[in-house]
N, C-alpha and C. Protein backbone atom coordinates (compact mmCIF):
# COMPACT_ATOMS: atom_id res chain seq x y z
N MET A 1 -3.08 153.70 -13.60
CA MET A 1 -3.18 153.99 -15.02
C MET A 1 -1.93 153.41 -15.70
N ASN A 2 -2.11 152.52 -16.62
CA ASN A 2 -1.00 151.94 -17.39
C ASN A 2 -1.11 152.40 -18.84
N PHE A 3 -0.02 152.88 -19.38
CA PHE A 3 0.00 153.30 -20.78
C PHE A 3 1.42 153.22 -21.30
N THR A 4 1.53 153.20 -22.62
CA THR A 4 2.83 153.15 -23.29
C THR A 4 2.87 154.25 -24.34
N THR A 5 3.95 154.98 -24.35
CA THR A 5 4.17 155.96 -25.41
C THR A 5 5.44 155.55 -26.16
N TYR A 6 5.41 155.71 -27.46
CA TYR A 6 6.61 155.35 -28.22
C TYR A 6 6.79 156.29 -29.40
N THR A 7 8.03 156.43 -29.78
CA THR A 7 8.39 157.27 -30.91
C THR A 7 9.20 156.42 -31.90
N HIS A 8 9.25 156.90 -33.11
CA HIS A 8 10.00 156.21 -34.16
C HIS A 8 11.14 157.11 -34.63
N SER A 9 12.24 156.46 -34.96
CA SER A 9 13.38 157.20 -35.49
C SER A 9 14.14 156.31 -36.45
N TYR A 10 15.17 156.87 -37.06
CA TYR A 10 16.03 156.12 -37.97
C TYR A 10 17.46 156.57 -37.75
N ILE A 11 18.36 155.62 -37.66
CA ILE A 11 19.79 155.93 -37.53
C ILE A 11 20.52 155.45 -38.77
N GLY A 12 20.25 154.22 -39.18
CA GLY A 12 20.88 153.67 -40.37
C GLY A 12 22.29 153.18 -40.15
N SER A 13 22.92 152.90 -41.24
CA SER A 13 24.29 152.39 -41.20
C SER A 13 25.28 153.55 -41.28
N GLU A 14 26.55 153.23 -41.24
CA GLU A 14 27.59 154.26 -41.32
C GLU A 14 27.51 155.05 -42.62
N ILE A 15 26.95 154.44 -43.65
CA ILE A 15 26.83 155.12 -44.94
C ILE A 15 25.94 156.35 -44.82
N THR A 16 24.89 156.24 -44.04
CA THR A 16 23.92 157.35 -43.93
C THR A 16 24.20 158.27 -42.74
N TRP A 17 25.19 157.96 -41.92
CA TRP A 17 25.46 158.77 -40.71
C TRP A 17 25.78 160.23 -40.98
N PRO A 18 26.49 160.58 -42.07
CA PRO A 18 26.73 162.02 -42.28
C PRO A 18 25.44 162.84 -42.32
N ILE A 19 24.37 162.23 -42.73
CA ILE A 19 23.08 162.93 -42.80
C ILE A 19 22.24 162.63 -41.57
N TYR A 20 22.07 161.34 -41.26
CA TYR A 20 21.12 160.94 -40.23
C TYR A 20 21.68 160.94 -38.81
N LYS A 21 22.97 161.05 -38.64
CA LYS A 21 23.53 161.03 -37.29
C LYS A 21 24.31 162.31 -36.97
N TYR A 22 25.10 162.79 -37.91
CA TYR A 22 25.98 163.92 -37.62
C TYR A 22 25.45 165.25 -38.16
N GLY A 23 24.44 165.23 -38.99
CA GLY A 23 23.89 166.46 -39.55
C GLY A 23 22.75 167.00 -38.69
N THR A 24 21.99 167.90 -39.27
CA THR A 24 20.86 168.51 -38.57
C THR A 24 19.85 167.46 -38.14
N LEU A 25 19.61 166.45 -38.98
CA LEU A 25 18.70 165.38 -38.60
C LEU A 25 19.20 164.64 -37.36
N GLY A 26 20.49 164.47 -37.27
CA GLY A 26 21.07 163.82 -36.10
C GLY A 26 20.82 164.59 -34.82
N LEU A 27 20.90 165.91 -34.91
CA LEU A 27 20.60 166.74 -33.73
C LEU A 27 19.14 166.58 -33.32
N ALA A 28 18.25 166.50 -34.29
CA ALA A 28 16.83 166.29 -33.98
C ALA A 28 16.62 164.93 -33.32
N LYS A 29 17.34 163.92 -33.77
CA LYS A 29 17.21 162.59 -33.19
C LYS A 29 17.77 162.56 -31.76
N PHE A 30 18.86 163.27 -31.53
CA PHE A 30 19.41 163.37 -30.18
C PHE A 30 18.39 164.06 -29.26
N ASN A 31 17.75 165.10 -29.77
CA ASN A 31 16.74 165.82 -29.02
C ASN A 31 15.55 164.91 -28.69
N LEU A 32 15.14 164.10 -29.66
CA LEU A 32 14.05 163.15 -29.46
C LEU A 32 14.39 162.18 -28.33
N TYR A 33 15.61 161.67 -28.33
CA TYR A 33 16.05 160.75 -27.28
C TYR A 33 16.04 161.45 -25.92
N ALA A 34 16.56 162.67 -25.87
CA ALA A 34 16.61 163.41 -24.61
C ALA A 34 15.20 163.67 -24.07
N TYR A 35 14.28 164.06 -24.93
CA TYR A 35 12.91 164.30 -24.48
C TYR A 35 12.20 163.02 -24.10
N SER A 36 12.53 161.92 -24.74
CA SER A 36 11.95 160.63 -24.35
C SER A 36 12.32 160.31 -22.91
N LYS A 37 13.56 160.61 -22.53
CA LYS A 37 13.99 160.39 -21.14
C LYS A 37 13.22 161.31 -20.19
N LYS A 38 12.97 162.56 -20.59
CA LYS A 38 12.22 163.49 -19.75
C LYS A 38 10.76 163.04 -19.61
N ILE A 39 10.18 162.57 -20.70
CA ILE A 39 8.81 162.08 -20.66
C ILE A 39 8.71 160.88 -19.73
N LEU A 40 9.77 160.06 -19.70
CA LEU A 40 9.78 158.91 -18.82
C LEU A 40 9.59 159.33 -17.37
N ASN A 41 10.25 160.39 -16.94
CA ASN A 41 10.10 160.85 -15.56
C ASN A 41 8.65 161.19 -15.24
N PHE A 42 7.96 161.80 -16.18
CA PHE A 42 6.54 162.10 -16.00
C PHE A 42 5.71 160.83 -15.99
N CYS A 43 6.03 159.92 -16.91
CA CYS A 43 5.26 158.68 -17.04
C CYS A 43 5.37 157.80 -15.80
N LYS A 44 6.51 157.84 -15.14
CA LYS A 44 6.69 157.02 -13.94
C LYS A 44 5.65 157.34 -12.88
N LEU A 45 5.22 158.59 -12.83
CA LEU A 45 4.21 159.00 -11.85
C LEU A 45 2.87 158.32 -12.08
N PHE A 46 2.60 157.93 -13.33
CA PHE A 46 1.31 157.38 -13.68
C PHE A 46 1.37 155.94 -14.20
N GLY A 47 2.50 155.29 -14.02
CA GLY A 47 2.64 153.90 -14.44
C GLY A 47 2.85 153.71 -15.93
N GLY A 48 3.37 154.73 -16.58
CA GLY A 48 3.57 154.65 -18.03
C GLY A 48 4.93 154.12 -18.42
N ARG A 49 5.05 153.80 -19.70
CA ARG A 49 6.32 153.32 -20.26
C ARG A 49 6.65 154.15 -21.50
N VAL A 50 7.94 154.22 -21.82
CA VAL A 50 8.40 154.99 -22.97
C VAL A 50 9.34 154.10 -23.80
N PHE A 51 9.07 154.04 -25.10
CA PHE A 51 9.93 153.29 -26.00
C PHE A 51 10.33 154.16 -27.18
N LEU A 52 11.56 153.99 -27.60
CA LEU A 52 12.07 154.66 -28.80
C LEU A 52 12.44 153.54 -29.78
N PHE A 53 11.71 153.45 -30.87
CA PHE A 53 11.94 152.41 -31.86
C PHE A 53 12.80 152.96 -32.99
N ILE A 54 13.88 152.25 -33.29
CA ILE A 54 14.76 152.61 -34.39
C ILE A 54 14.36 151.72 -35.57
N ASN A 55 13.77 152.33 -36.59
CA ASN A 55 13.24 151.60 -37.73
C ASN A 55 14.28 151.42 -38.83
N LYS A 56 13.95 150.56 -39.78
CA LYS A 56 14.80 150.36 -40.95
C LYS A 56 14.58 151.51 -41.93
N ALA A 57 15.42 151.59 -42.92
CA ALA A 57 15.31 152.64 -43.94
C ALA A 57 14.01 152.48 -44.71
N LEU A 58 13.33 153.59 -44.89
CA LEU A 58 12.07 153.60 -45.64
C LEU A 58 12.14 154.68 -46.71
N ILE A 59 11.52 154.41 -47.82
CA ILE A 59 11.43 155.42 -48.87
C ILE A 59 10.24 156.31 -48.55
N THR A 60 10.54 157.55 -48.26
CA THR A 60 9.52 158.55 -47.99
C THR A 60 9.78 159.75 -48.88
N GLN A 61 8.87 160.69 -48.88
CA GLN A 61 9.08 161.89 -49.67
C GLN A 61 10.33 162.62 -49.19
N ALA A 62 10.55 162.64 -47.88
CA ALA A 62 11.72 163.33 -47.33
C ALA A 62 13.01 162.58 -47.68
N SER A 63 13.04 161.25 -47.49
CA SER A 63 14.28 160.51 -47.74
C SER A 63 14.63 160.50 -49.23
N ALA A 64 13.63 160.56 -50.09
CA ALA A 64 13.89 160.57 -51.53
C ALA A 64 14.61 161.83 -51.98
N ALA A 65 14.50 162.89 -51.20
CA ALA A 65 15.12 164.16 -51.56
C ALA A 65 16.57 164.28 -51.07
N ILE A 66 17.02 163.34 -50.27
CA ILE A 66 18.37 163.39 -49.72
C ILE A 66 19.32 162.66 -50.68
N PRO A 67 20.39 163.33 -51.12
CA PRO A 67 21.32 162.71 -52.08
C PRO A 67 21.84 161.36 -51.59
N ALA A 68 21.89 160.41 -52.47
CA ALA A 68 22.43 159.06 -52.26
C ALA A 68 21.53 158.14 -51.45
N VAL A 69 20.58 158.66 -50.71
CA VAL A 69 19.72 157.80 -49.89
C VAL A 69 18.82 156.91 -50.75
N PRO A 70 18.18 157.40 -51.82
CA PRO A 70 17.39 156.49 -52.65
C PRO A 70 18.22 155.33 -53.22
N LEU A 71 19.45 155.61 -53.62
CA LEU A 71 20.33 154.55 -54.12
C LEU A 71 20.64 153.55 -53.01
N TYR A 72 20.98 154.05 -51.83
CA TYR A 72 21.26 153.18 -50.68
C TYR A 72 20.07 152.28 -50.38
N ILE A 73 18.87 152.86 -50.32
CA ILE A 73 17.67 152.08 -50.00
C ILE A 73 17.39 151.05 -51.09
N SER A 74 17.60 151.41 -52.34
CA SER A 74 17.41 150.47 -53.43
C SER A 74 18.35 149.27 -53.30
N LEU A 75 19.61 149.53 -53.03
CA LEU A 75 20.59 148.45 -52.84
C LEU A 75 20.25 147.62 -51.60
N LEU A 76 19.82 148.29 -50.53
CA LEU A 76 19.45 147.60 -49.29
C LEU A 76 18.28 146.66 -49.53
N TYR A 77 17.23 147.16 -50.15
CA TYR A 77 16.04 146.33 -50.39
C TYR A 77 16.37 145.15 -51.30
N ASN A 78 17.22 145.37 -52.30
CA ASN A 78 17.63 144.29 -53.19
C ASN A 78 18.35 143.20 -52.39
N LYS A 79 19.26 143.60 -51.54
CA LYS A 79 20.02 142.63 -50.73
C LYS A 79 19.11 141.90 -49.75
N THR A 80 18.24 142.62 -49.05
CA THR A 80 17.41 141.96 -48.04
C THR A 80 16.36 141.04 -48.69
N ARG A 81 15.92 141.38 -49.87
CA ARG A 81 14.99 140.47 -50.58
C ARG A 81 15.71 139.18 -50.97
N LYS A 82 16.93 139.30 -51.44
CA LYS A 82 17.70 138.12 -51.83
C LYS A 82 18.00 137.22 -50.63
N SER A 83 18.22 137.81 -49.48
CA SER A 83 18.58 137.03 -48.29
C SER A 83 17.36 136.70 -47.42
N TRP A 84 16.17 136.98 -47.92
CA TRP A 84 14.91 136.68 -47.23
C TRP A 84 14.80 137.39 -45.88
N THR A 85 15.43 138.55 -45.74
CA THR A 85 15.30 139.32 -44.50
C THR A 85 14.54 140.62 -44.71
N HIS A 86 14.02 140.82 -45.91
CA HIS A 86 13.26 142.04 -46.19
C HIS A 86 11.91 141.97 -45.48
N GLU A 87 11.51 143.07 -44.90
CA GLU A 87 10.18 143.17 -44.35
C GLU A 87 9.60 144.53 -44.71
N ASN A 88 8.33 144.54 -45.06
CA ASN A 88 7.70 145.81 -45.37
C ASN A 88 7.34 146.53 -44.07
N TYR A 89 6.79 147.70 -44.21
CA TYR A 89 6.51 148.51 -43.02
C TYR A 89 5.50 147.83 -42.09
N ILE A 90 4.52 147.14 -42.66
CA ILE A 90 3.52 146.45 -41.83
C ILE A 90 4.19 145.34 -41.03
N ASN A 91 5.04 144.53 -41.69
CA ASN A 91 5.74 143.47 -40.98
C ASN A 91 6.64 144.01 -39.87
N GLN A 92 7.29 145.13 -40.16
CA GLN A 92 8.14 145.74 -39.14
C GLN A 92 7.31 146.17 -37.94
N ASN A 93 6.14 146.73 -38.18
CA ASN A 93 5.29 147.15 -37.07
C ASN A 93 4.71 145.97 -36.30
N LEU A 94 4.45 144.86 -36.98
CA LEU A 94 4.03 143.65 -36.25
C LEU A 94 5.13 143.20 -35.30
N ARG A 95 6.37 143.27 -35.76
CA ARG A 95 7.50 142.91 -34.90
C ARG A 95 7.64 143.91 -33.74
N LEU A 96 7.33 145.17 -34.02
CA LEU A 96 7.35 146.21 -32.99
C LEU A 96 6.39 145.85 -31.86
N PHE A 97 5.15 145.52 -32.20
CA PHE A 97 4.16 145.21 -31.16
C PHE A 97 4.47 143.90 -30.46
N TYR A 98 5.08 142.97 -31.16
CA TYR A 98 5.51 141.74 -30.52
C TYR A 98 6.56 142.05 -29.45
N ARG A 99 7.50 142.92 -29.79
CA ARG A 99 8.54 143.30 -28.83
C ARG A 99 7.98 144.10 -27.66
N LEU A 100 6.96 144.92 -27.93
CA LEU A 100 6.32 145.65 -26.82
C LEU A 100 5.79 144.69 -25.78
N ASN A 101 5.19 143.60 -26.23
CA ASN A 101 4.67 142.60 -25.30
C ASN A 101 5.78 141.86 -24.57
N MET A 102 6.93 141.68 -25.24
CA MET A 102 8.07 141.01 -24.60
C MET A 102 8.62 141.86 -23.46
N PHE A 103 8.56 143.19 -23.61
CA PHE A 103 9.15 144.09 -22.63
C PHE A 103 8.10 144.63 -21.66
N GLU A 104 7.23 143.76 -21.20
CA GLU A 104 6.10 144.18 -20.38
C GLU A 104 6.52 144.93 -19.11
N ARG A 105 7.61 144.54 -18.49
CA ARG A 105 8.01 145.15 -17.22
C ARG A 105 9.02 146.27 -17.37
N ILE A 106 9.51 146.49 -18.59
CA ILE A 106 10.51 147.52 -18.82
C ILE A 106 9.82 148.87 -18.96
N LYS A 107 10.37 149.89 -18.32
CA LYS A 107 9.77 151.22 -18.34
C LYS A 107 10.33 152.10 -19.45
N PHE A 108 11.57 151.87 -19.86
CA PHE A 108 12.17 152.65 -20.95
C PHE A 108 13.11 151.75 -21.73
N SER A 109 13.04 151.86 -23.04
CA SER A 109 13.95 151.08 -23.85
C SER A 109 14.08 151.69 -25.25
N VAL A 110 15.27 151.55 -25.79
CA VAL A 110 15.49 151.85 -27.20
C VAL A 110 15.52 150.49 -27.89
N VAL A 111 14.59 150.28 -28.81
CA VAL A 111 14.45 148.98 -29.46
C VAL A 111 14.84 149.12 -30.92
N ARG A 112 15.85 148.35 -31.33
CA ARG A 112 16.34 148.40 -32.70
C ARG A 112 15.53 147.44 -33.57
N LEU A 113 14.81 148.01 -34.53
CA LEU A 113 14.10 147.21 -35.52
C LEU A 113 14.84 147.21 -36.86
N ASP A 114 16.01 147.81 -36.87
CA ASP A 114 16.81 147.89 -38.09
C ASP A 114 17.91 146.84 -38.12
N ASP A 115 17.74 145.78 -37.33
CA ASP A 115 18.79 144.77 -37.21
C ASP A 115 19.11 144.06 -38.52
N PHE A 116 18.12 143.87 -39.40
CA PHE A 116 18.41 143.25 -40.70
C PHE A 116 19.22 144.20 -41.58
N GLU A 117 18.95 145.48 -41.46
CA GLU A 117 19.65 146.48 -42.27
C GLU A 117 21.10 146.64 -41.86
N ILE A 118 21.37 146.71 -40.57
CA ILE A 118 22.72 147.01 -40.11
C ILE A 118 23.60 145.77 -39.93
N LYS A 119 23.06 144.62 -40.27
CA LYS A 119 23.84 143.38 -40.22
C LYS A 119 25.10 143.53 -41.07
N THR A 120 26.21 143.09 -40.57
CA THR A 120 27.50 143.28 -41.24
C THR A 120 27.50 142.73 -42.66
N SER A 121 26.97 141.53 -42.85
CA SER A 121 26.98 140.94 -44.20
C SER A 121 26.14 141.76 -45.17
N THR A 122 25.04 142.32 -44.70
CA THR A 122 24.20 143.17 -45.56
C THR A 122 24.94 144.43 -45.94
N GLN A 123 25.55 145.10 -44.97
CA GLN A 123 26.28 146.33 -45.25
C GLN A 123 27.48 146.08 -46.14
N PHE A 124 28.17 144.97 -45.94
CA PHE A 124 29.32 144.63 -46.78
C PHE A 124 28.92 144.52 -48.24
N GLU A 125 27.81 143.81 -48.49
CA GLU A 125 27.39 143.62 -49.88
C GLU A 125 26.94 144.94 -50.51
N ILE A 126 26.27 145.79 -49.75
CA ILE A 126 25.84 147.08 -50.28
C ILE A 126 27.03 147.94 -50.64
N ILE A 127 28.05 147.96 -49.82
CA ILE A 127 29.20 148.84 -50.01
C ILE A 127 30.15 148.31 -51.08
N PHE A 128 30.43 147.02 -51.06
CA PHE A 128 31.51 146.49 -51.88
C PHE A 128 31.09 145.69 -53.11
N LYS A 129 29.81 145.51 -53.33
CA LYS A 129 29.40 144.73 -54.51
C LYS A 129 28.58 145.54 -55.46
């Protein structure tokens, strides 16, 4: 039996870490990672794989309610559109499935899909311009 299970999460840049990494949400993300490792032990018995995908910032009902996050996402999207690195959620998921096929033999991996967001030049422009 071959199968793949994957979860989605968000870490973001240092700007969002007080909320997404060090706050209550960060604890939930740490828990998600820990349980992904436990699920892997079960999956190994049946030929399964486990992936944890770290997505880019998205505007959701929850993120819109967090102070400063809508402003951050607005600046991020503006910068990535100007630099031709913006991708919508569908494009990001297409890249996700492409990477799943690349990692055919890997049983567990954390895959960063937020690479355009956390790029140094992108973060520099958001913070200092």
